[in-house]
Amino acid sequence: MNKELIIFSIIISSFTQILLKPGMDMVGKINLSFTGLLSVYKELIFNIYVIPGILSFCLGLVLWLIVLLKKQCRLCLPFCKPRVYDNNTNQIFSFNESVSVTRIIGLSIIIVGILIL
């Protein structure tokens, strides 16, 4: 049950990123003045991507807190590394972000590290 909970938490976290990215793309630039933040807040509370993304984030947080309650941190943290790979994969394929040599090398190092564990 614990591994399933960890994996589900990671999936929820990746899903959160998929929701938040297009939502924030719709918002565009953020002006850090009081009136600018107020207008961004109004856009965010009615955004069809950001609100589900925030709810998904909260669910993932609660699940991760439950995982940490049941397991030692040293056993849980290696499971976070695939989240980096998954988020990068989502960025490349879902949002058409560029793929650099540095990014490929970094992801390869993460994958090798996970396999060694």
Protein backbone atom coordinates (compact mmCIF):
# COMPACT_ATOMS: atom_id res chain seq x y z
CA MET A 1 0.00 0.00 0.00
CA ASN A 2 2.80 2.42 0.79
CA LYS A 3 4.50 2.16 -2.61
CA GLU A 4 1.17 2.65 -4.32
CA LEU A 5 0.53 5.76 -2.23
CA ILE A 6 3.97 7.14 -3.12
CA ILE A 7 3.44 6.49 -6.82
CA PHE A 8 -0.06 7.98 -6.74
CA SER A 9 1.31 11.08 -5.02
CA ILE A 10 3.92 11.46 -7.77
CA ILE A 11 1.28 11.04 -10.49
CA ILE A 12 -0.89 13.69 -8.83
CA SER A 13 2.11 16.03 -8.68
CA SER A 14 2.78 15.59 -12.40
CA PHE A 15 -0.89 16.12 -13.19
CA THR A 16 -0.73 19.32 -11.16
CA GLN A 17 2.06 20.66 -13.37
CA ILE A 18 0.08 19.80 -16.50
CA LEU A 19 -2.85 21.85 -15.17
CA LEU A 20 -0.93 24.82 -13.80
CA LYS A 21 1.26 25.49 -16.86
CA PRO A 22 -1.53 26.31 -19.35
CA GLY A 23 -3.39 28.21 -16.65
CA MET A 24 -0.44 30.47 -16.01
CA ASP A 25 0.19 30.82 -19.74
CA MET A 26 -3.33 32.22 -19.99
CA VAL A 27 -2.56 34.77 -17.26
CA GLY A 28 0.61 35.97 -18.98
CA LYS A 29 2.78 38.64 -17.36
CA ILE A 30 2.30 39.46 -13.70
CA ASN A 31 2.63 43.03 -12.45
CA LEU A 32 3.88 42.94 -8.85
CA SER A 33 2.07 46.13 -7.79
CA PHE A 34 -0.98 45.85 -5.54
CA THR A 35 -3.44 46.51 -8.36
CA GLY A 36 -1.53 44.18 -10.67
CA LEU A 37 -1.64 41.35 -8.14
CA LEU A 38 -5.32 42.01 -7.53
CA SER A 39 -6.11 41.68 -11.23
CA VAL A 40 -4.03 38.48 -11.46
CA TYR A 41 -5.89 37.11 -8.43
CA LYS A 42 -9.20 37.77 -10.19
CA GLU A 43 -7.94 35.96 -13.30
CA LEU A 44 -6.69 33.01 -11.28
CA ILE A 45 -9.87 32.36 -9.31
CA PHE A 46 -11.84 32.01 -12.53
CA ASN A 47 -9.18 30.12 -14.49
CA ILE A 48 -10.35 26.65 -15.56
CA TYR A 49 -6.82 25.22 -15.21
CA VAL A 50 -5.42 26.92 -12.11
CA ILE A 51 -8.20 26.06 -9.64
CA PRO A 52 -8.13 22.30 -10.44
CA GLY A 53 -4.31 22.53 -10.41
CA ILE A 54 -4.35 24.04 -6.91
CA LEU A 55 -6.78 21.38 -5.71
CA SER A 56 -4.60 18.68 -7.26
CA PHE A 57 -1.56 20.21 -5.57
CA CYS A 58 -3.32 20.13 -2.19
CA LEU A 59 -4.30 16.48 -2.70
CA GLY A 60 -0.72 15.58 -3.63
CA LEU A 61 0.56 17.42 -0.55
CA VAL A 62 -1.81 15.57 1.77
CA LEU A 63 -0.86 12.23 0.20
CA TRP A 64 2.84 13.01 0.54
CA LEU A 65 2.38 13.97 4.21
CA ILE A 66 0.69 10.61 4.78
CA VAL A 67 3.60 8.86 3.05
CA LEU A 68 6.10 10.69 5.25
CA LEU A 69 4.09 9.77 8.32
CA LYS A 70 4.25 6.07 7.45
CA LYS A 71 7.79 5.78 6.05
CA GLN A 72 11.23 7.15 6.83
CA CYS A 73 12.24 10.10 4.71
CA ARG A 74 15.33 8.31 3.34
CA LEU A 75 13.03 5.65 1.87
CA CYS A 76 10.59 8.13 0.31
CA LEU A 77 12.86 10.69 -1.31
CA PRO A 78 14.31 8.44 -4.04
CA PHE A 79 10.76 8.12 -5.35
CA CYS A 80 10.69 11.89 -5.95
CA LYS A 81 13.37 11.68 -8.64
CA PRO A 82 11.05 10.22 -11.31
CA ARG A 83 8.90 13.32 -10.78
CA VAL A 84 11.72 15.40 -12.29
CA TYR A 85 11.86 13.08 -15.30
CA ASP A 86 8.08 13.05 -15.67
CA ASN A 87 7.78 16.83 -15.42
CA ASN A 88 10.47 17.29 -18.06
CA THR A 89 8.78 14.77 -20.35
CA ASN A 90 5.49 16.63 -19.96
CA GLN A 91 7.19 19.93 -20.74
CA ILE A 92 8.80 18.56 -23.87
CA PHE A 93 5.78 16.74 -25.31
CA SER A 94 2.81 18.71 -23.96
CA PHE A 95 4.16 22.24 -24.06
CA ASN A 96 6.67 21.97 -26.94
CA GLU A 97 9.59 23.23 -24.85
CA SER A 98 13.08 22.91 -26.26
CA VAL A 99 15.37 19.98 -25.55
CA SER A 100 19.00 20.89 -24.89
CA VAL A 101 22.00 18.60 -24.55
CA THR A 102 22.38 19.74 -20.92
CA ARG A 103 18.80 18.74 -20.18
CA ILE A 104 19.27 15.28 -21.72
CA ILE A 105 22.51 14.72 -19.79
CA GLY A 106 20.89 15.82 -16.53
CA LEU A 107 17.88 13.55 -17.00
CA SER A 108 20.19 10.66 -17.91
CA ILE A 109 22.16 11.15 -14.70
CA ILE A 110 18.92 11.11 -12.70
CA ILE A 111 17.76 7.89 -14.38
CA VAL A 112 21.13 6.18 -13.78
CA GLY A 113 20.98 7.27 -10.14
CA ILE A 114 17.51 5.81 -9.71
CA LEU A 115 18.60 2.53 -11.30
CA ILE A 116 21.60 2.32 -8.97
CA LEU A 117 19.34 2.70 -5.92
